N, C-alpha and C. Protein backbone atom coordinates (compact mmCIF):
# COMPACT_ATOMS: atom_id res chain seq x y z
N MET A 1 31.35 -18.96 -46.06
CA MET A 1 29.91 -18.29 -46.28
C MET A 1 29.46 -17.71 -45.19
N LYS A 2 29.32 -18.31 -43.99
CA LYS A 2 28.85 -17.83 -42.71
C LYS A 2 29.50 -16.57 -42.56
N LYS A 3 30.96 -16.67 -42.53
CA LYS A 3 31.80 -15.66 -41.95
C LYS A 3 31.59 -14.34 -42.80
N VAL A 4 31.41 -14.58 -44.39
CA VAL A 4 31.25 -13.39 -45.26
C VAL A 4 29.81 -12.74 -44.80
N LEU A 5 28.73 -13.52 -44.70
CA LEU A 5 27.42 -13.14 -44.24
C LEU A 5 27.43 -12.36 -42.92
N ALA A 6 28.12 -12.76 -41.98
CA ALA A 6 28.21 -12.13 -40.49
C ALA A 6 28.97 -10.94 -40.83
N VAL A 7 30.11 -10.69 -41.62
CA VAL A 7 30.94 -9.42 -42.06
C VAL A 7 30.02 -8.48 -42.65
N LEU A 8 29.19 -8.91 -43.69
CA LEU A 8 28.23 -8.07 -44.42
C LEU A 8 27.05 -7.62 -43.49
N CYS A 9 26.63 -8.35 -42.42
CA CYS A 9 25.71 -7.96 -41.46
C CYS A 9 26.34 -7.04 -40.35
N VAL A 10 27.38 -7.08 -40.14
CA VAL A 10 28.33 -5.98 -39.23
C VAL A 10 28.30 -4.76 -39.93
N PHE A 11 28.70 -4.55 -41.53
CA PHE A 11 28.82 -3.62 -42.29
C PHE A 11 27.47 -2.71 -42.36
N ALA A 12 26.40 -3.46 -42.66
CA ALA A 12 25.13 -3.01 -42.78
C ALA A 12 24.91 -2.22 -41.59
N THR A 13 25.05 -2.83 -40.20
CA THR A 13 24.79 -2.33 -39.21
C THR A 13 25.41 -0.95 -38.93
N LEU A 14 26.82 -0.66 -39.35
CA LEU A 14 27.51 0.27 -39.02
C LEU A 14 27.05 1.30 -40.08
N PHE A 15 26.63 1.21 -41.16
CA PHE A 15 26.06 2.10 -42.22
C PHE A 15 24.70 2.50 -41.93
N ALA A 16 23.95 1.75 -41.24
CA ALA A 16 22.73 2.12 -40.49
C ALA A 16 22.70 2.94 -39.44
N LEU A 17 23.90 2.84 -38.64
CA LEU A 17 24.08 3.78 -37.55
C LEU A 17 24.81 5.08 -38.09
N ALA A 18 25.54 5.05 -38.92
CA ALA A 18 26.02 6.26 -39.66
C ALA A 18 25.03 7.01 -40.12
N ALA A 19 24.00 6.40 -40.92
CA ALA A 19 23.01 7.10 -41.46
C ALA A 19 22.12 7.74 -40.41
N CYS A 20 21.87 7.22 -39.38
CA CYS A 20 21.24 7.82 -38.20
C CYS A 20 22.04 8.94 -37.64
N LYS A 21 23.12 8.96 -37.66
CA LYS A 21 24.01 10.14 -36.78
C LYS A 21 23.91 11.24 -37.81
N ASN A 22 23.86 10.98 -39.08
CA ASN A 22 24.06 11.98 -40.42
C ASN A 22 22.64 12.75 -40.05
N LYS A 23 21.30 12.04 -39.85
CA LYS A 23 20.27 12.74 -39.83
C LYS A 23 20.01 13.43 -38.67
N GLU A 24 20.65 12.94 -37.50
CA GLU A 24 20.82 13.97 -36.13
C GLU A 24 21.60 15.24 -36.70
N LYS A 25 22.70 15.17 -37.39
CA LYS A 25 23.26 16.37 -37.69
C LYS A 25 22.57 17.44 -38.48
N GLU A 26 21.96 16.69 -39.21
CA GLU A 26 20.83 17.71 -40.16
C GLU A 26 19.86 18.40 -39.46
N LEU A 27 19.60 18.13 -38.30
CA LEU A 27 18.60 18.75 -37.61
C LEU A 27 18.97 20.28 -37.32
N THR A 28 18.10 21.22 -37.25
CA THR A 28 18.61 22.67 -37.01
C THR A 28 18.29 22.81 -35.54
N GLU A 29 18.79 23.94 -35.03
CA GLU A 29 18.71 24.08 -33.58
C GLU A 29 17.26 24.31 -33.34
N GLU A 30 16.56 24.78 -34.05
CA GLU A 30 15.07 25.10 -33.85
C GLU A 30 14.34 23.73 -33.72
N GLU A 31 14.76 22.79 -34.74
CA GLU A 31 14.14 21.51 -34.68
C GLU A 31 14.52 20.76 -33.51
N ARG A 32 15.57 20.98 -33.04
CA ARG A 32 16.02 20.13 -31.69
C ARG A 32 15.41 20.70 -30.72
N LEU A 33 15.34 22.11 -30.61
CA LEU A 33 14.45 22.65 -29.33
C LEU A 33 12.75 22.33 -29.47
N ALA A 34 12.49 22.15 -30.69
CA ALA A 34 11.00 21.80 -30.70
C ALA A 34 10.70 20.36 -30.32
N SER A 35 11.85 19.48 -30.70
CA SER A 35 11.78 18.10 -30.20
C SER A 35 11.89 18.07 -28.77
N LEU A 36 12.80 18.81 -28.24
CA LEU A 36 12.88 18.76 -26.71
C LEU A 36 11.68 19.25 -25.86
N HIS A 37 11.19 20.44 -26.52
CA HIS A 37 9.80 21.05 -25.97
C HIS A 37 8.69 20.09 -26.05
N ALA A 38 8.61 19.21 -27.08
CA ALA A 38 7.67 18.27 -27.01
C ALA A 38 7.88 17.12 -26.31
N SER A 39 8.88 16.61 -25.97
CA SER A 39 9.42 15.55 -25.17
C SER A 39 9.06 16.29 -23.61
N GLN A 40 9.52 17.40 -23.39
CA GLN A 40 9.05 17.93 -21.97
C GLN A 40 7.53 18.05 -21.77
N GLU A 41 6.73 18.33 -23.10
CA GLU A 41 5.33 18.43 -22.73
C GLU A 41 4.75 17.01 -22.60
N GLN A 42 5.31 15.89 -23.16
CA GLN A 42 4.72 14.67 -22.84
C GLN A 42 5.04 14.32 -21.56
N ASN A 43 6.08 14.43 -20.92
CA ASN A 43 6.35 14.16 -19.75
C ASN A 43 5.54 14.78 -18.70
N ARG A 44 5.26 16.13 -18.84
CA ARG A 44 4.40 16.81 -17.99
C ARG A 44 2.97 16.30 -18.01
N ILE A 45 2.61 15.83 -19.34
CA ILE A 45 1.11 15.25 -19.23
C ILE A 45 1.30 13.93 -18.63
N GLU A 46 2.19 13.07 -18.64
CA GLU A 46 2.47 11.74 -17.78
C GLU A 46 2.34 12.09 -16.25
N MET A 47 3.29 13.13 -16.02
CA MET A 47 3.29 13.39 -14.68
C MET A 47 1.95 13.69 -14.05
N SER A 48 1.14 14.45 -15.06
CA SER A 48 -0.26 14.99 -14.28
C SER A 48 -1.08 13.85 -14.17
N GLN A 49 -1.13 13.07 -15.13
CA GLN A 49 -1.73 11.88 -15.05
C GLN A 49 -1.54 10.88 -13.91
N GLN A 50 -0.10 10.87 -13.48
CA GLN A 50 0.11 10.04 -12.36
C GLN A 50 -0.34 10.74 -11.16
N VAL A 51 -0.14 11.96 -11.04
CA VAL A 51 -0.54 12.84 -9.83
C VAL A 51 -2.10 12.70 -9.72
N GLU A 52 -2.87 12.89 -10.90
CA GLU A 52 -4.36 12.89 -10.77
C GLU A 52 -4.67 11.38 -10.28
N ASN A 53 -4.21 10.33 -10.84
CA ASN A 53 -4.35 8.86 -10.58
C ASN A 53 -3.92 8.88 -8.98
N SER A 54 -3.05 9.17 -8.47
CA SER A 54 -2.63 9.24 -7.03
C SER A 54 -3.66 9.80 -6.17
N ILE A 55 -4.18 10.96 -6.53
CA ILE A 55 -5.10 11.73 -5.83
C ILE A 55 -6.41 10.78 -5.75
N LYS A 56 -6.71 10.27 -6.90
CA LYS A 56 -7.91 9.59 -6.95
C LYS A 56 -7.84 8.18 -5.98
N GLN A 57 -6.77 7.45 -6.00
CA GLN A 57 -6.48 6.42 -5.16
C GLN A 57 -6.61 6.90 -3.64
N GLU A 58 -6.14 8.05 -3.35
CA GLU A 58 -5.98 8.33 -1.85
C GLU A 58 -7.54 8.73 -1.58
N ILE A 59 -8.40 9.25 -2.41
CA ILE A 59 -9.62 9.65 -2.03
C ILE A 59 -10.18 8.22 -1.78
N GLU A 60 -10.14 7.24 -2.66
CA GLU A 60 -10.76 5.84 -2.49
C GLU A 60 -10.32 5.08 -1.23
N ILE A 61 -8.95 5.30 -0.78
CA ILE A 61 -8.66 4.71 0.44
C ILE A 61 -9.23 5.52 1.75
N GLN A 62 -9.29 6.77 1.60
CA GLN A 62 -9.94 7.47 2.70
C GLN A 62 -11.24 6.98 2.68
N SER A 63 -11.94 6.86 1.48
CA SER A 63 -13.41 6.28 1.64
C SER A 63 -13.46 5.01 2.23
N ASP A 64 -12.71 4.12 1.92
CA ASP A 64 -12.58 2.78 2.45
C ASP A 64 -12.18 2.77 3.89
N LYS A 65 -11.48 3.56 4.39
CA LYS A 65 -11.30 3.70 5.78
C LYS A 65 -12.52 4.24 6.62
N LYS A 66 -13.15 5.02 5.92
CA LYS A 66 -14.62 5.53 6.60
C LYS A 66 -15.45 4.30 6.50
N ASN A 67 -15.55 3.48 5.45
CA ASN A 67 -16.65 2.24 5.38
C ASN A 67 -16.26 1.30 6.38
N THR A 68 -14.66 0.97 6.29
CA THR A 68 -14.29 -0.03 7.34
C THR A 68 -14.62 0.24 8.65
N LEU A 69 -14.33 1.71 9.19
CA LEU A 69 -14.79 2.23 10.41
C LEU A 69 -16.22 2.06 10.86
N GLU A 70 -17.06 2.49 9.83
CA GLU A 70 -18.54 2.16 9.96
C GLU A 70 -19.00 0.82 10.04
N ASN A 71 -18.27 -0.25 9.35
CA ASN A 71 -18.62 -1.48 9.44
C ASN A 71 -18.13 -2.25 10.92
N LEU A 72 -17.15 -1.48 11.16
CA LEU A 72 -16.66 -2.06 12.72
C LEU A 72 -17.71 -1.56 13.73
N GLY A 73 -18.17 -0.51 13.67
CA GLY A 73 -19.22 0.10 14.69
C GLY A 73 -18.47 0.74 15.64
N LYS A 74 -19.15 1.01 16.80
CA LYS A 74 -18.52 1.71 17.73
C LYS A 74 -18.16 0.62 18.93
N THR A 75 -17.55 1.05 19.89
CA THR A 75 -17.48 0.32 21.22
C THR A 75 -18.72 0.26 21.84
N GLU A 76 -18.90 -1.12 22.30
CA GLU A 76 -20.15 -1.60 22.76
C GLU A 76 -20.08 -2.35 24.05
N LYS A 77 -20.38 -2.06 25.03
CA LYS A 77 -20.19 -2.77 26.40
C LYS A 77 -20.40 -4.21 26.33
N ASP A 78 -19.47 -4.92 26.57
CA ASP A 78 -19.32 -6.49 26.66
C ASP A 78 -19.58 -7.14 25.32
N LYS A 79 -19.43 -6.29 23.98
CA LYS A 79 -19.60 -6.91 22.76
C LYS A 79 -18.51 -6.67 21.95
N ARG A 80 -17.82 -5.30 22.15
CA ARG A 80 -16.77 -5.15 21.09
C ARG A 80 -15.91 -3.79 21.58
N ILE A 81 -14.67 -3.83 21.38
CA ILE A 81 -14.06 -2.51 21.38
C ILE A 81 -13.23 -2.18 20.26
N VAL A 82 -13.64 -1.11 19.85
CA VAL A 82 -13.17 -0.61 18.46
C VAL A 82 -12.22 0.79 18.83
N PHE A 83 -10.90 0.62 18.27
CA PHE A 83 -9.96 1.66 18.52
C PHE A 83 -9.03 1.87 17.36
N LEU A 84 -8.66 3.10 17.20
CA LEU A 84 -7.56 3.54 16.24
C LEU A 84 -6.21 3.47 16.81
N SER A 85 -5.32 3.00 15.97
CA SER A 85 -4.09 2.92 16.41
C SER A 85 -3.19 3.58 15.21
N ASP A 86 -2.52 4.81 15.59
CA ASP A 86 -1.73 5.67 14.50
C ASP A 86 -0.04 5.44 14.72
N GLY A 87 0.65 4.77 13.63
CA GLY A 87 1.81 4.75 13.46
C GLY A 87 2.45 3.72 14.52
N GLU A 88 1.70 2.69 14.72
CA GLU A 88 2.11 1.63 16.01
C GLU A 88 3.28 0.98 15.44
N TYR A 89 3.14 0.48 13.99
CA TYR A 89 4.02 -0.20 13.37
C TYR A 89 4.99 0.56 12.20
N PRO A 90 6.26 0.07 12.07
CA PRO A 90 6.79 1.01 11.16
C PRO A 90 6.29 0.79 9.65
N GLY A 91 6.25 2.07 9.15
CA GLY A 91 5.64 2.04 7.63
C GLY A 91 4.24 2.12 7.82
N MET A 92 3.42 2.13 8.82
CA MET A 92 2.11 2.04 8.96
C MET A 92 1.43 3.42 8.99
N LYS A 93 0.58 3.70 8.32
CA LYS A 93 -0.02 4.98 8.47
C LYS A 93 -1.16 5.16 9.43
N GLU A 94 -2.18 4.24 9.39
CA GLU A 94 -3.12 4.40 10.26
C GLU A 94 -3.96 2.86 10.46
N GLY A 95 -4.31 2.56 11.44
CA GLY A 95 -5.11 1.19 11.64
C GLY A 95 -6.34 1.11 12.52
N TYR A 96 -7.07 0.26 12.39
CA TYR A 96 -8.26 0.24 13.09
C TYR A 96 -8.27 -1.23 13.84
N GLN A 97 -8.74 -1.31 14.93
CA GLN A 97 -8.59 -2.70 15.58
C GLN A 97 -10.06 -3.07 16.24
N ILE A 98 -10.33 -4.15 16.21
CA ILE A 98 -11.75 -4.34 16.83
C ILE A 98 -11.40 -5.66 17.73
N ILE A 99 -11.73 -5.96 18.95
CA ILE A 99 -11.87 -7.08 19.82
C ILE A 99 -13.15 -7.21 20.24
N LYS A 100 -13.60 -8.48 20.03
CA LYS A 100 -14.88 -8.92 20.15
C LYS A 100 -14.88 -9.94 21.42
N PHE A 101 -16.16 -9.73 21.89
CA PHE A 101 -16.44 -10.53 23.09
C PHE A 101 -17.80 -11.39 22.88
N ASP A 102 -17.76 -12.40 23.55
CA ASP A 102 -18.85 -13.26 23.56
C ASP A 102 -19.93 -12.69 24.58
N GLY A 103 -21.13 -13.48 24.47
CA GLY A 103 -22.16 -12.95 25.06
C GLY A 103 -22.22 -12.49 26.83
N SER A 104 -20.87 -13.32 27.32
CA SER A 104 -20.80 -13.14 28.79
C SER A 104 -19.75 -12.27 29.04
N GLY A 105 -19.34 -11.31 28.01
CA GLY A 105 -18.23 -10.42 28.08
C GLY A 105 -16.85 -10.66 28.05
N LYS A 106 -16.56 -12.19 27.67
CA LYS A 106 -15.18 -12.75 27.51
C LYS A 106 -14.66 -12.47 26.13
N PHE A 107 -13.25 -12.52 26.17
CA PHE A 107 -12.72 -12.54 24.84
C PHE A 107 -13.00 -13.36 23.76
N GLU A 108 -13.23 -13.11 22.78
CA GLU A 108 -13.55 -13.73 21.61
C GLU A 108 -12.62 -13.95 20.33
N SER A 109 -12.22 -12.70 19.87
CA SER A 109 -11.33 -12.55 18.65
C SER A 109 -10.85 -10.94 18.64
N TRP A 110 -9.98 -10.84 17.90
CA TRP A 110 -9.11 -9.66 17.68
C TRP A 110 -8.68 -9.49 16.20
N LEU A 111 -9.21 -8.40 15.36
CA LEU A 111 -8.77 -8.02 14.09
C LEU A 111 -7.95 -6.75 13.95
N GLN A 112 -7.09 -6.70 13.45
CA GLN A 112 -6.37 -5.24 12.89
C GLN A 112 -6.54 -5.10 11.51
N TYR A 113 -7.03 -3.84 11.25
CA TYR A 113 -6.79 -3.20 9.63
C TYR A 113 -5.86 -2.46 9.69
N ILE A 114 -4.77 -2.73 8.91
CA ILE A 114 -3.70 -1.91 8.97
C ILE A 114 -3.54 -1.22 7.76
N TYR A 115 -3.53 0.03 7.40
CA TYR A 115 -3.41 0.78 6.18
C TYR A 115 -1.93 1.31 6.04
N TYR A 116 -1.52 1.10 4.88
CA TYR A 116 0.03 1.57 4.74
C TYR A 116 0.13 2.70 3.82
N PRO A 117 1.02 3.62 3.95
CA PRO A 117 1.10 4.88 3.38
C PRO A 117 1.55 4.97 1.99
N THR A 118 2.16 3.91 1.45
CA THR A 118 2.67 3.57 0.16
C THR A 118 2.57 2.22 -0.41
N THR A 119 2.71 2.05 -1.60
CA THR A 119 2.57 0.85 -2.21
C THR A 119 3.84 0.13 -1.92
N GLU A 120 5.00 0.82 -1.87
CA GLU A 120 6.26 0.02 -1.33
C GLU A 120 6.06 -0.63 0.09
N ALA A 121 5.36 0.39 1.00
CA ALA A 121 5.68 -0.08 2.33
C ALA A 121 4.46 -1.41 2.59
N PHE A 122 3.25 -1.26 1.75
CA PHE A 122 2.30 -2.44 1.56
C PHE A 122 3.16 -3.40 1.06
N ASP A 123 3.58 -3.46 0.04
CA ASP A 123 4.36 -4.57 -0.58
C ASP A 123 5.36 -5.38 0.49
N ARG A 124 6.16 -4.40 1.03
CA ARG A 124 7.24 -4.87 2.00
C ARG A 124 6.52 -5.72 3.12
N ALA A 125 5.41 -5.04 3.68
CA ALA A 125 4.74 -5.63 4.68
C ALA A 125 4.08 -7.00 4.37
N LEU A 126 3.52 -7.08 3.06
CA LEU A 126 2.96 -8.23 2.62
C LEU A 126 4.28 -9.42 2.49
N ALA A 127 5.28 -8.76 2.08
CA ALA A 127 6.34 -9.83 1.83
C ALA A 127 6.97 -10.50 2.90
N TYR A 128 7.05 -9.80 4.14
CA TYR A 128 7.35 -10.12 5.37
C TYR A 128 6.39 -10.75 6.50
N ILE A 129 5.20 -11.00 5.84
CA ILE A 129 4.39 -11.77 6.81
C ILE A 129 4.95 -13.08 7.37
N ASN A 130 4.65 -13.41 8.65
CA ASN A 130 4.83 -14.69 9.23
C ASN A 130 3.89 -14.79 10.08
N ASP A 131 3.38 -16.27 10.25
CA ASP A 131 2.27 -16.45 11.12
C ASP A 131 2.98 -16.96 12.51
N GLU A 132 4.11 -16.35 12.85
CA GLU A 132 4.68 -16.89 14.14
C GLU A 132 4.52 -16.17 15.28
N GLY A 133 4.00 -14.99 15.06
CA GLY A 133 3.69 -13.70 16.42
C GLY A 133 2.35 -14.13 16.66
N ASN A 134 1.96 -13.17 17.55
CA ASN A 134 0.43 -13.26 17.88
C ASN A 134 -0.63 -12.70 17.15
N PHE A 135 -0.02 -12.21 15.87
CA PHE A 135 -1.00 -11.81 14.58
C PHE A 135 -0.64 -12.52 13.34
N ALA A 136 -1.80 -12.81 12.78
CA ALA A 136 -1.36 -13.69 11.57
C ALA A 136 -2.26 -12.96 10.29
N TYR A 137 -1.75 -13.33 9.29
CA TYR A 137 -2.37 -12.74 8.01
C TYR A 137 -3.84 -13.13 7.92
N GLU A 138 -4.65 -12.32 7.52
CA GLU A 138 -6.08 -12.80 7.38
C GLU A 138 -6.51 -12.54 5.87
N THR A 139 -6.25 -11.21 5.65
CA THR A 139 -6.69 -10.84 4.25
C THR A 139 -5.95 -9.75 3.71
N SER A 140 -6.04 -9.13 2.58
CA SER A 140 -5.51 -7.87 2.08
C SER A 140 -6.11 -7.51 1.00
N ASP A 141 -5.84 -6.08 0.62
CA ASP A 141 -6.33 -5.57 -0.59
C ASP A 141 -5.40 -4.52 -0.78
N ALA A 142 -4.74 -4.77 -2.13
CA ALA A 142 -3.42 -4.14 -2.83
C ALA A 142 -4.07 -2.44 -3.17
N SER A 143 -5.19 -2.49 -3.62
CA SER A 143 -5.70 -1.36 -4.23
C SER A 143 -5.85 -0.23 -3.02
N MET A 144 -6.25 -0.84 -1.81
CA MET A 144 -6.63 -0.08 -0.43
C MET A 144 -5.34 0.06 0.16
N ARG A 145 -4.33 -0.77 -0.13
CA ARG A 145 -3.12 -0.65 0.75
C ARG A 145 -3.20 -0.99 2.21
N VAL A 146 -4.23 -1.93 2.36
CA VAL A 146 -4.69 -2.51 3.71
C VAL A 146 -4.25 -4.05 4.01
N ILE A 147 -4.01 -4.51 4.98
CA ILE A 147 -3.79 -5.78 5.53
C ILE A 147 -4.44 -6.07 6.74
N VAL A 148 -5.28 -7.06 6.76
CA VAL A 148 -5.96 -7.46 8.08
C VAL A 148 -5.29 -8.62 8.68
N TYR A 149 -5.15 -8.38 10.02
CA TYR A 149 -4.54 -9.31 10.68
C TYR A 149 -5.39 -10.06 11.83
N ARG A 150 -5.26 -11.18 12.41
CA ARG A 150 -5.97 -11.97 13.25
C ARG A 150 -5.14 -12.38 14.31
N TYR A 151 -5.71 -11.93 15.59
CA TYR A 151 -4.89 -12.35 16.78
C TYR A 151 -5.06 -13.81 16.82
N THR A 152 -3.97 -14.65 17.12
CA THR A 152 -3.78 -16.20 17.00
C THR A 152 -3.78 -16.65 18.37
N ASN A 153 -3.52 -15.95 19.39
CA ASN A 153 -2.98 -16.49 20.79
C ASN A 153 -4.52 -16.42 21.72
N GLU A 154 -5.34 -16.85 21.16
CA GLU A 154 -6.75 -16.73 21.82
C GLU A 154 -6.57 -17.38 23.16
N LYS A 155 -5.81 -18.54 23.51
CA LYS A 155 -5.64 -19.00 24.95
C LYS A 155 -5.21 -17.95 25.86
N TYR A 156 -4.38 -17.31 25.43
CA TYR A 156 -3.56 -16.14 26.43
C TYR A 156 -4.76 -15.31 26.81
N LEU A 157 -5.68 -14.93 26.09
CA LEU A 157 -6.62 -13.86 26.41
C LEU A 157 -8.01 -14.30 26.77
N ALA A 158 -8.19 -15.62 26.63
CA ALA A 158 -9.35 -16.38 26.80
C ALA A 158 -10.22 -16.09 28.06
N ASN A 159 -9.59 -15.62 28.88
CA ASN A 159 -10.38 -15.41 30.21
C ASN A 159 -10.45 -13.80 30.53
N GLU A 160 -9.87 -13.13 29.59
CA GLU A 160 -9.95 -11.63 29.63
C GLU A 160 -11.52 -10.97 29.49
N LYS A 161 -11.78 -9.98 30.35
CA LYS A 161 -13.06 -9.42 30.34
C LYS A 161 -13.01 -8.16 29.54
N TYR A 162 -14.27 -7.76 29.19
CA TYR A 162 -14.43 -6.46 28.66
C TYR A 162 -13.71 -5.34 29.35
N ASP A 163 -14.18 -5.19 30.52
CA ASP A 163 -13.60 -4.03 31.33
C ASP A 163 -12.18 -3.90 31.30
N ASP A 164 -11.55 -5.04 31.58
CA ASP A 164 -10.17 -5.01 31.77
C ASP A 164 -9.38 -4.68 30.31
N MET A 165 -9.87 -5.30 29.18
CA MET A 165 -9.39 -5.03 27.93
C MET A 165 -9.51 -3.63 27.66
N LEU A 166 -10.61 -3.07 27.82
CA LEU A 166 -10.89 -1.72 27.64
C LEU A 166 -10.04 -0.64 28.38
N GLN A 167 -9.62 -1.02 29.57
CA GLN A 167 -8.86 -0.31 30.49
C GLN A 167 -7.53 -0.21 29.73
N ARG A 168 -6.88 -1.57 29.25
CA ARG A 168 -5.60 -1.55 28.83
C ARG A 168 -5.49 -0.75 27.58
N VAL A 169 -6.56 -0.82 26.63
CA VAL A 169 -6.63 0.07 25.44
C VAL A 169 -6.39 1.28 25.66
N ARG A 170 -7.14 1.92 26.60
CA ARG A 170 -6.93 3.31 27.08
C ARG A 170 -5.46 3.41 27.70
N ASP A 171 -5.08 2.79 28.62
CA ASP A 171 -3.75 2.81 29.14
C ASP A 171 -2.75 2.93 28.07
N PHE A 172 -2.93 2.30 26.99
CA PHE A 172 -1.80 2.42 25.75
C PHE A 172 -1.89 3.68 25.10
N GLY A 173 -3.12 4.25 25.41
CA GLY A 173 -3.21 5.70 24.60
C GLY A 173 -4.16 5.64 23.40
N TYR A 174 -4.50 4.39 23.08
CA TYR A 174 -5.17 4.43 21.76
C TYR A 174 -6.42 5.08 21.83
N THR A 175 -6.97 5.63 20.79
CA THR A 175 -8.31 6.48 20.53
C THR A 175 -9.53 5.22 20.37
N VAL A 176 -10.36 5.26 21.55
CA VAL A 176 -11.60 4.44 21.47
C VAL A 176 -12.52 5.09 20.79
N VAL A 177 -13.17 4.25 19.93
CA VAL A 177 -14.30 4.82 19.22
C VAL A 177 -15.68 4.49 19.74
N GLU A 178 -16.19 5.56 20.32
CA GLU A 178 -17.27 5.45 21.19
C GLU A 178 -18.62 6.17 20.51
């Protein structure tokens, strides 16, 4: 009984497929062209929406970068060094860094705000984060494609003074925000 039912299902499927093919053959050339044009128009509309959404996201990211830089402030003697780093890391578009100092002008902390040019680059960077180097993951924002890293080897820079660090940043060719 099960075999008979299975054979009937196979024949029903074949007849259904044959009916579909017959309907396709019944379309005129004009109908096929109209269908093709409708499909192309739908693809064009979807592509336009994707481009529009991408432009909106890039505008939001530029706004976020501006806000981040405003929040970091400018370089201020014995308090902080704020600088830009362009393309320092593979797949990185732009980054902002801030090194903070305590009241006596000694090193206190260092954060990097790294913006990635594509979602793929951001995802790849996020997937390969490890906390074994000098910088560890602090936070991230996927919509802005930014990852914030915190310097973890504070003991190495514990006795570094503001003037020495500022000179090093300049020697490496970074743009200091003043």
